[in-house]
Amino acid sequence: MKFLMFIFLLLFSVHISAQKSFSKDDAIFVIDTFFNGFHKADTLIMKSVVMDGAILQSAFKNRKGVDVVEETNFGNFINSIASKPSHQVWNEKILDYIVSIDGNLVHVWTPYEFYLNGVFSHCGANSFTIANINGSWKIIHLIDSRRREDCSEFKK
């Protein structure tokens, strides 16, 4: 009898945790929320889906053509969004969402094109890592690539 009760409780707990699992749509919602705040220059919206102390990096070729990875303080990035001139319109057009989920760890790959005041600036891909932090799904790491050429590979 105890064994049957154990099995029942085990199956019941698996059922409950399955209902609370994070889906592809949930991941896309987190990314869309981040970019909604980015486009509105609303840092409160952005911060709502980013963990304090999140890591922000960019991979690109510098002016000498050398591949580099540069880390930026996420707080400084948020401040740059808040203080951008109102006449500048930043539009990061997400071209796709490639989502991988394993338990409380999520990876979202988003190829993009970036436009400044309606003019193409550069393209690349964002790589977001999202994790469950005390019951809340937050971006814990973001690295992007940037280039001005060979952007057609992302076009659908």
N, C-alpha and C. Protein backbone atom coordinates (compact mmCIF):
# COMPACT_ATOMS: atom_id res chain seq x y z
N MET A 1 0.82 -1.19 0.00
CA MET A 1 0.00 0.00 0.00
C MET A 1 0.87 1.27 0.00
N LYS A 2 1.93 1.27 0.84
CA LYS A 2 2.82 2.42 0.87
C LYS A 2 3.50 2.62 -0.47
N PHE A 3 3.84 1.51 -1.11
CA PHE A 3 4.48 1.58 -2.43
C PHE A 3 3.54 2.23 -3.45
N LEU A 4 2.26 1.83 -3.42
CA LEU A 4 1.29 2.42 -4.35
C LEU A 4 1.10 3.91 -4.08
N MET A 5 1.09 4.27 -2.80
CA MET A 5 0.95 5.69 -2.45
C MET A 5 2.19 6.47 -2.95
N PHE A 6 3.36 5.88 -2.79
CA PHE A 6 4.60 6.51 -3.27
C PHE A 6 4.53 6.73 -4.77
N ILE A 7 4.12 5.71 -5.51
CA ILE A 7 4.01 5.82 -6.97
C ILE A 7 3.00 6.91 -7.34
N PHE A 8 1.85 6.92 -6.67
CA PHE A 8 0.83 7.93 -6.93
C PHE A 8 1.39 9.33 -6.70
N LEU A 9 2.05 9.55 -5.56
CA LEU A 9 2.61 10.87 -5.27
C LEU A 9 3.70 11.25 -6.26
N LEU A 10 4.51 10.28 -6.66
CA LEU A 10 5.55 10.54 -7.65
C LEU A 10 4.94 10.97 -8.98
N LEU A 11 3.95 10.23 -9.44
CA LEU A 11 3.29 10.58 -10.70
C LEU A 11 2.57 11.91 -10.60
N PHE A 12 1.94 12.18 -9.47
CA PHE A 12 1.24 13.43 -9.26
C PHE A 12 2.21 14.60 -9.28
N SER A 13 3.37 14.46 -8.63
CA SER A 13 4.35 15.55 -8.62
C SER A 13 4.94 15.78 -10.01
N VAL A 14 5.15 14.72 -10.78
CA VAL A 14 5.64 14.86 -12.15
C VAL A 14 4.59 15.59 -12.98
N HIS A 15 3.32 15.26 -12.79
CA HIS A 15 2.24 15.92 -13.51
C HIS A 15 2.20 17.41 -13.18
N ILE A 16 2.33 17.76 -11.91
CA ILE A 16 2.31 19.16 -11.50
C ILE A 16 3.49 19.91 -12.10
N SER A 17 4.69 19.33 -12.01
CA SER A 17 5.84 20.04 -12.55
C SER A 17 5.77 20.15 -14.06
N ALA A 18 5.15 19.18 -14.72
CA ALA A 18 4.99 19.25 -16.17
C ALA A 18 4.08 20.40 -16.55
N GLN A 19 3.05 20.65 -15.73
CA GLN A 19 2.14 21.74 -16.02
C GLN A 19 2.83 23.11 -15.87
N LYS A 20 3.85 23.18 -15.05
CA LYS A 20 4.53 24.45 -14.82
C LYS A 20 5.80 24.58 -15.65
N SER A 21 5.96 23.72 -16.64
CA SER A 21 7.18 23.76 -17.43
C SER A 21 7.18 24.99 -18.34
N PHE A 22 8.35 25.35 -18.71
CA PHE A 22 8.59 26.52 -19.54
C PHE A 22 8.51 26.09 -21.00
N SER A 23 7.75 26.79 -21.80
CA SER A 23 7.54 26.40 -23.20
C SER A 23 8.30 27.32 -24.15
N LYS A 24 8.31 26.93 -25.40
CA LYS A 24 8.89 27.77 -26.45
C LYS A 24 8.20 29.13 -26.48
N ASP A 25 6.88 29.14 -26.36
CA ASP A 25 6.13 30.40 -26.35
C ASP A 25 6.53 31.27 -25.16
N ASP A 26 6.79 30.63 -24.00
CA ASP A 26 7.24 31.39 -22.82
C ASP A 26 8.59 32.04 -23.10
N ALA A 27 9.49 31.29 -23.73
CA ALA A 27 10.82 31.82 -24.04
C ALA A 27 10.71 33.00 -25.00
N ILE A 28 9.89 32.85 -26.03
CA ILE A 28 9.69 33.94 -26.99
C ILE A 28 9.10 35.15 -26.29
N PHE A 29 8.20 34.93 -25.35
CA PHE A 29 7.60 36.03 -24.58
C PHE A 29 8.68 36.81 -23.81
N VAL A 30 9.62 36.10 -23.18
CA VAL A 30 10.70 36.77 -22.45
C VAL A 30 11.53 37.63 -23.41
N ILE A 31 11.90 37.07 -24.55
CA ILE A 31 12.71 37.81 -25.52
C ILE A 31 11.93 39.00 -26.07
N ASP A 32 10.67 38.78 -26.42
CA ASP A 32 9.84 39.88 -26.93
C ASP A 32 9.66 40.99 -25.89
N THR A 33 9.53 40.61 -24.63
CA THR A 33 9.43 41.61 -23.56
C THR A 33 10.69 42.44 -23.49
N PHE A 34 11.84 41.77 -23.56
CA PHE A 34 13.13 42.47 -23.55
C PHE A 34 13.19 43.49 -24.69
N PHE A 35 12.84 43.05 -25.90
CA PHE A 35 12.94 43.96 -27.05
C PHE A 35 11.82 45.00 -27.06
N ASN A 36 10.69 44.70 -26.48
CA ASN A 36 9.63 45.71 -26.33
C ASN A 36 10.18 46.87 -25.49
N GLY A 37 10.85 46.54 -24.38
CA GLY A 37 11.47 47.57 -23.55
C GLY A 37 12.59 48.29 -24.30
N PHE A 38 13.39 47.53 -25.04
CA PHE A 38 14.49 48.10 -25.82
C PHE A 38 13.97 49.14 -26.81
N HIS A 39 12.95 48.77 -27.57
CA HIS A 39 12.43 49.68 -28.60
C HIS A 39 11.73 50.90 -28.00
N LYS A 40 11.13 50.74 -26.84
CA LYS A 40 10.47 51.87 -26.17
C LYS A 40 11.43 52.66 -25.29
N ALA A 41 12.67 52.19 -25.17
CA ALA A 41 13.65 52.76 -24.24
C ALA A 41 13.09 52.74 -22.82
N ASP A 42 12.37 51.68 -22.50
CA ASP A 42 11.78 51.50 -21.17
C ASP A 42 12.60 50.46 -20.42
N THR A 43 13.52 50.95 -19.61
CA THR A 43 14.43 50.04 -18.92
C THR A 43 13.74 49.21 -17.85
N LEU A 44 12.62 49.68 -17.33
CA LEU A 44 11.89 48.87 -16.34
C LEU A 44 11.35 47.60 -16.98
N ILE A 45 10.86 47.72 -18.21
CA ILE A 45 10.39 46.53 -18.93
C ILE A 45 11.56 45.58 -19.15
N MET A 46 12.68 46.11 -19.60
CA MET A 46 13.85 45.28 -19.86
C MET A 46 14.31 44.58 -18.58
N LYS A 47 14.43 45.33 -17.50
CA LYS A 47 14.89 44.78 -16.23
C LYS A 47 13.95 43.70 -15.69
N SER A 48 12.68 43.75 -16.09
CA SER A 48 11.72 42.76 -15.57
C SER A 48 12.05 41.34 -16.03
N VAL A 49 12.84 41.21 -17.10
CA VAL A 49 13.17 39.88 -17.61
C VAL A 49 14.69 39.60 -17.60
N VAL A 50 15.44 40.46 -16.93
CA VAL A 50 16.89 40.29 -16.87
C VAL A 50 17.31 40.14 -15.40
N MET A 51 18.12 39.13 -15.12
CA MET A 51 18.64 38.91 -13.78
C MET A 51 19.65 40.00 -13.43
N ASP A 52 19.63 40.46 -12.19
CA ASP A 52 20.67 41.37 -11.72
C ASP A 52 22.01 40.66 -11.89
N GLY A 53 22.98 41.36 -12.44
CA GLY A 53 24.30 40.78 -12.64
C GLY A 53 24.42 39.94 -13.90
N ALA A 54 23.43 40.01 -14.78
CA ALA A 54 23.49 39.26 -16.04
C ALA A 54 24.74 39.64 -16.82
N ILE A 55 25.19 38.73 -17.65
CA ILE A 55 26.40 38.94 -18.46
C ILE A 55 25.99 39.38 -19.86
N LEU A 56 26.67 40.38 -20.39
CA LEU A 56 26.41 40.90 -21.73
C LEU A 56 27.73 40.93 -22.49
N GLN A 57 27.76 40.26 -23.63
CA GLN A 57 28.97 40.21 -24.45
C GLN A 57 28.62 40.40 -25.92
N SER A 58 29.63 40.81 -26.70
CA SER A 58 29.49 40.93 -28.15
C SER A 58 30.71 40.30 -28.80
N ALA A 59 30.46 39.54 -29.87
CA ALA A 59 31.53 38.93 -30.65
C ALA A 59 31.53 39.59 -32.03
N PHE A 60 32.68 40.12 -32.43
CA PHE A 60 32.75 40.84 -33.70
C PHE A 60 34.20 40.97 -34.13
N LYS A 61 34.40 41.46 -35.34
CA LYS A 61 35.75 41.79 -35.82
C LYS A 61 35.99 43.26 -35.53
N ASN A 62 37.13 43.56 -34.90
CA ASN A 62 37.44 44.97 -34.63
C ASN A 62 37.91 45.66 -35.91
N ARG A 63 38.28 46.92 -35.82
CA ARG A 63 38.68 47.69 -37.01
C ARG A 63 39.90 47.12 -37.71
N LYS A 64 40.69 46.34 -36.98
CA LYS A 64 41.87 45.70 -37.57
C LYS A 64 41.54 44.33 -38.16
N GLY A 65 40.28 43.93 -38.08
CA GLY A 65 39.87 42.65 -38.63
C GLY A 65 40.12 41.47 -37.70
N VAL A 66 40.41 41.74 -36.45
CA VAL A 66 40.69 40.69 -35.47
C VAL A 66 39.39 40.32 -34.75
N ASP A 67 39.13 39.01 -34.63
CA ASP A 67 37.96 38.54 -33.89
C ASP A 67 38.14 38.83 -32.40
N VAL A 68 37.14 39.47 -31.81
CA VAL A 68 37.19 39.78 -30.38
C VAL A 68 35.85 39.45 -29.72
N VAL A 69 35.89 39.23 -28.44
CA VAL A 69 34.69 39.13 -27.62
C VAL A 69 34.83 40.20 -26.55
N GLU A 70 33.87 41.08 -26.51
CA GLU A 70 33.91 42.21 -25.60
C GLU A 70 32.77 42.09 -24.59
N GLU A 71 33.08 42.29 -23.32
CA GLU A 71 32.05 42.24 -22.29
C GLU A 71 31.68 43.66 -21.87
N THR A 72 30.39 43.88 -21.70
CA THR A 72 29.86 45.17 -21.29
C THR A 72 29.05 44.96 -20.02
N ASN A 73 29.15 45.87 -19.10
CA ASN A 73 28.33 45.81 -17.89
C ASN A 73 26.87 45.99 -18.28
N PHE A 74 26.01 45.05 -17.87
CA PHE A 74 24.60 45.12 -18.27
C PHE A 74 23.95 46.40 -17.77
N GLY A 75 24.35 46.85 -16.59
CA GLY A 75 23.81 48.11 -16.06
C GLY A 75 24.16 49.29 -16.95
N ASN A 76 25.38 49.30 -17.46
CA ASN A 76 25.78 50.38 -18.38
C ASN A 76 24.98 50.32 -19.67
N PHE A 77 24.73 49.10 -20.16
CA PHE A 77 23.90 48.94 -21.36
C PHE A 77 22.50 49.48 -21.12
N ILE A 78 21.91 49.12 -20.00
CA ILE A 78 20.57 49.61 -19.65
C ILE A 78 20.57 51.14 -19.58
N ASN A 79 21.60 51.71 -18.96
CA ASN A 79 21.70 53.18 -18.87
C ASN A 79 21.82 53.82 -20.25
N SER A 80 22.52 53.16 -21.18
CA SER A 80 22.65 53.72 -22.53
C SER A 80 21.30 53.72 -23.24
N ILE A 81 20.48 52.72 -22.96
CA ILE A 81 19.12 52.68 -23.54
C ILE A 81 18.30 53.84 -22.98
N ALA A 82 18.39 54.05 -21.68
CA ALA A 82 17.61 55.11 -21.03
C ALA A 82 18.03 56.50 -21.48
N SER A 83 19.30 56.66 -21.85
CA SER A 83 19.80 57.99 -22.18
C SER A 83 19.99 58.22 -23.68
N LYS A 84 19.50 57.31 -24.51
CA LYS A 84 19.67 57.51 -25.95
C LYS A 84 18.86 58.73 -26.39
N PRO A 85 19.37 59.49 -27.34
CA PRO A 85 18.64 60.68 -27.82
C PRO A 85 17.27 60.29 -28.37
N SER A 86 16.29 61.08 -28.08
CA SER A 86 14.91 60.77 -28.49
C SER A 86 14.74 60.77 -30.01
N HIS A 87 15.61 61.48 -30.73
CA HIS A 87 15.49 61.51 -32.19
C HIS A 87 16.03 60.24 -32.84
N GLN A 88 16.74 59.41 -32.08
CA GLN A 88 17.26 58.15 -32.63
C GLN A 88 16.22 57.04 -32.48
N VAL A 89 15.97 56.36 -33.56
CA VAL A 89 15.06 55.22 -33.54
C VAL A 89 15.89 53.97 -33.77
N TRP A 90 15.95 53.12 -32.75
CA TRP A 90 16.67 51.86 -32.83
C TRP A 90 15.66 50.76 -33.06
N ASN A 91 15.86 49.98 -34.11
CA ASN A 91 14.94 48.88 -34.40
C ASN A 91 15.74 47.61 -34.67
N GLU A 92 15.64 46.69 -33.74
CA GLU A 92 16.28 45.39 -33.92
C GLU A 92 15.19 44.43 -34.37
N LYS A 93 15.25 44.06 -35.64
CA LYS A 93 14.24 43.19 -36.24
C LYS A 93 14.68 41.73 -36.06
N ILE A 94 13.93 41.00 -35.24
CA ILE A 94 14.23 39.60 -34.99
C ILE A 94 13.69 38.78 -36.17
N LEU A 95 14.56 37.95 -36.75
CA LEU A 95 14.20 37.19 -37.94
C LEU A 95 13.72 35.77 -37.64
N ASP A 96 14.07 35.25 -36.47
CA ASP A 96 13.69 33.88 -36.12
C ASP A 96 13.93 33.68 -34.63
N TYR A 97 13.30 32.66 -34.08
CA TYR A 97 13.51 32.24 -32.69
C TYR A 97 13.82 30.75 -32.72
N ILE A 98 15.02 30.38 -32.33
CA ILE A 98 15.39 28.98 -32.24
C ILE A 98 15.56 28.70 -30.76
N VAL A 99 14.66 27.88 -30.20
CA VAL A 99 14.58 27.69 -28.75
C VAL A 99 14.94 26.26 -28.38
N SER A 100 15.81 26.12 -27.39
CA SER A 100 16.14 24.82 -26.81
C SER A 100 15.90 24.91 -25.31
N ILE A 101 15.23 23.90 -24.76
CA ILE A 101 14.88 23.90 -23.34
C ILE A 101 15.32 22.59 -22.71
N ASP A 102 15.96 22.71 -21.54
CA ASP A 102 16.28 21.54 -20.73
C ASP A 102 16.04 21.91 -19.28
N GLY A 103 14.92 21.47 -18.75
CA GLY A 103 14.59 21.77 -17.35
C GLY A 103 14.50 23.26 -17.11
N ASN A 104 15.35 23.76 -16.22
CA ASN A 104 15.29 25.18 -15.89
C ASN A 104 16.33 26.01 -16.65
N LEU A 105 16.83 25.46 -17.75
CA LEU A 105 17.79 26.18 -18.58
C LEU A 105 17.26 26.27 -20.01
N VAL A 106 17.28 27.47 -20.56
CA VAL A 106 16.72 27.73 -21.89
C VAL A 106 17.74 28.51 -22.71
N HIS A 107 17.85 28.14 -23.98
CA HIS A 107 18.71 28.88 -24.90
C HIS A 107 17.84 29.36 -26.06
N VAL A 108 17.98 30.63 -26.41
CA VAL A 108 17.22 31.19 -27.53
C VAL A 108 18.20 31.89 -28.46
N TRP A 109 18.21 31.45 -29.72
CA TRP A 109 19.06 32.01 -30.76
C TRP A 109 18.17 32.86 -31.65
N THR A 110 18.52 34.14 -31.82
CA THR A 110 17.68 35.04 -32.60
C THR A 110 18.52 35.82 -33.62
N PRO A 111 18.56 35.35 -34.86
CA PRO A 111 19.18 36.16 -35.91
C PRO A 111 18.43 37.49 -36.02
N TYR A 112 19.16 38.56 -36.36
CA TYR A 112 18.51 39.88 -36.40
C TYR A 112 19.15 40.78 -37.45
N GLU A 113 18.42 41.84 -37.74
CA GLU A 113 18.92 42.98 -38.51
C GLU A 113 18.68 44.22 -37.65
N PHE A 114 19.64 45.12 -37.62
CA PHE A 114 19.51 46.32 -36.81
C PHE A 114 19.45 47.54 -37.72
N TYR A 115 18.46 48.38 -37.44
CA TYR A 115 18.26 49.61 -38.22
C TYR A 115 18.34 50.82 -37.29
N LEU A 116 19.05 51.83 -37.72
CA LEU A 116 19.15 53.09 -37.00
C LEU A 116 18.45 54.15 -37.83
N ASN A 117 17.38 54.71 -37.28
CA ASN A 117 16.55 55.69 -37.98
C ASN A 117 16.10 55.17 -39.35
N GLY A 118 15.74 53.88 -39.39
CA GLY A 118 15.22 53.28 -40.62
C GLY A 118 16.27 52.85 -41.62
N VAL A 119 17.55 53.06 -41.33
CA VAL A 119 18.63 52.70 -42.24
C VAL A 119 19.36 51.49 -41.68
N PHE A 120 19.58 50.48 -42.55
CA PHE A 120 20.29 49.29 -42.11
C PHE A 120 21.65 49.65 -41.53
N SER A 121 21.97 49.09 -40.37
CA SER A 121 23.24 49.32 -39.71
C SER A 121 24.10 48.07 -39.72
N HIS A 122 23.54 46.96 -39.22
CA HIS A 122 24.29 45.71 -39.15
C HIS A 122 23.34 44.54 -38.90
N CYS A 123 23.89 43.34 -38.96
CA CYS A 123 23.12 42.14 -38.69
C CYS A 123 23.94 41.25 -37.76
N GLY A 124 23.34 40.15 -37.36
CA GLY A 124 24.04 39.20 -36.50
C GLY A 124 23.04 38.25 -35.87
N ALA A 125 23.43 37.72 -34.74
CA ALA A 125 22.56 36.83 -33.99
C ALA A 125 22.75 37.11 -32.51
N ASN A 126 21.66 37.00 -31.78
CA ASN A 126 21.70 37.08 -30.32
C ASN A 126 21.63 35.66 -29.79
N SER A 127 22.36 35.39 -28.74
CA SER A 127 22.29 34.12 -28.05
C SER A 127 21.92 34.41 -26.60
N PHE A 128 20.67 34.12 -26.25
CA PHE A 128 20.16 34.37 -24.90
C PHE A 128 20.19 33.08 -24.09
N THR A 129 20.63 33.17 -22.84
CA THR A 129 20.46 32.08 -21.89
C THR A 129 19.48 32.57 -20.85
N ILE A 130 18.45 31.77 -20.64
CA ILE A 130 17.40 32.09 -19.67
C ILE A 130 17.39 30.97 -18.64
N ALA A 131 17.21 31.33 -17.37
CA ALA A 131 17.14 30.32 -16.32
C ALA A 131 16.04 30.69 -15.34
N ASN A 132 15.58 29.68 -14.62
CA ASN A 132 14.58 29.89 -13.59
C ASN A 132 15.32 30.30 -12.32
N ILE A 133 15.09 31.53 -11.89
CA ILE A 133 15.72 32.08 -10.70
C ILE A 133 14.62 32.30 -9.66
N ASN A 134 14.58 31.44 -8.67
CA ASN A 134 13.57 31.54 -7.60
C ASN A 134 12.15 31.66 -8.15
N GLY A 135 11.83 30.85 -9.14
CA GLY A 135 10.48 30.81 -9.69
C GLY A 135 10.20 31.83 -10.77
N SER A 136 11.21 32.61 -11.17
CA SER A 136 11.02 33.61 -12.21
C SER A 136 12.04 33.38 -13.32
N TRP A 137 11.59 33.35 -14.55
CA TRP A 137 12.46 33.10 -15.69
C TRP A 137 13.12 34.40 -16.12
N LYS A 138 14.46 34.42 -16.09
CA LYS A 138 15.21 35.64 -16.37
C LYS A 138 16.34 35.37 -17.35
N ILE A 139 16.67 36.37 -18.12
CA ILE A 139 17.85 36.32 -18.98
C ILE A 139 19.07 36.45 -18.07
N ILE A 140 19.96 35.47 -18.15
CA ILE A 140 21.17 35.50 -17.32
C ILE A 140 22.42 35.80 -18.14
N HIS A 141 22.31 35.60 -19.46
CA HIS A 141 23.46 35.83 -20.33
C HIS A 141 22.96 36.19 -21.72
N LEU A 142 23.59 37.18 -22.31
CA LEU A 142 23.29 37.57 -23.69
C LEU A 142 24.61 37.85 -24.38
N ILE A 143 24.85 37.15 -25.48
CA ILE A 143 25.99 37.46 -26.33
C ILE A 143 25.44 37.64 -27.74
N ASP A 144 25.95 38.64 -28.43
CA ASP A 144 25.50 38.87 -29.81
C ASP A 144 26.71 38.93 -30.73
N SER A 145 26.44 38.69 -32.00
CA SER A 145 27.44 38.89 -33.04
C SER A 145 26.99 40.09 -33.86
N ARG A 146 27.96 40.72 -34.51
CA ARG A 146 27.65 41.91 -35.32
C ARG A 146 28.52 41.92 -36.56
N ARG A 147 27.86 42.20 -37.68
CA ARG A 147 28.62 42.38 -38.93
C ARG A 147 27.76 43.21 -39.89
N ARG A 148 28.40 43.79 -40.86
CA ARG A 148 27.71 44.62 -41.85
C ARG A 148 27.53 43.91 -43.19
N GLU A 149 28.20 42.79 -43.35
CA GLU A 149 28.16 42.07 -44.63
C GLU A 149 27.65 40.65 -44.42
N ASP A 150 27.31 40.01 -45.54
CA ASP A 150 26.84 38.61 -45.53
C ASP A 150 25.63 38.42 -44.63
N CYS A 151 24.69 39.33 -44.73
CA CYS A 151 23.49 39.25 -43.89
C CYS A 151 22.36 38.49 -44.56
N SER A 152 22.49 38.16 -45.82
CA SER A 152 21.38 37.52 -46.53
C SER A 152 21.09 36.12 -46.03
N GLU A 153 22.05 35.47 -45.35
CA GLU A 153 21.83 34.09 -44.89
C GLU A 153 20.69 33.98 -43.89
N PHE A 154 20.33 35.08 -43.22
CA PHE A 154 19.27 35.05 -42.23
C PHE A 154 17.89 35.31 -42.82
N LYS A 155 17.85 35.79 -44.03
CA LYS A 155 16.56 36.13 -44.64
C LYS A 155 15.73 34.87 -44.81
N LYS A 156 14.46 34.97 -44.50
CA LYS A 156 13.55 33.82 -44.67
C LYS A 156 13.03 33.79 -46.07
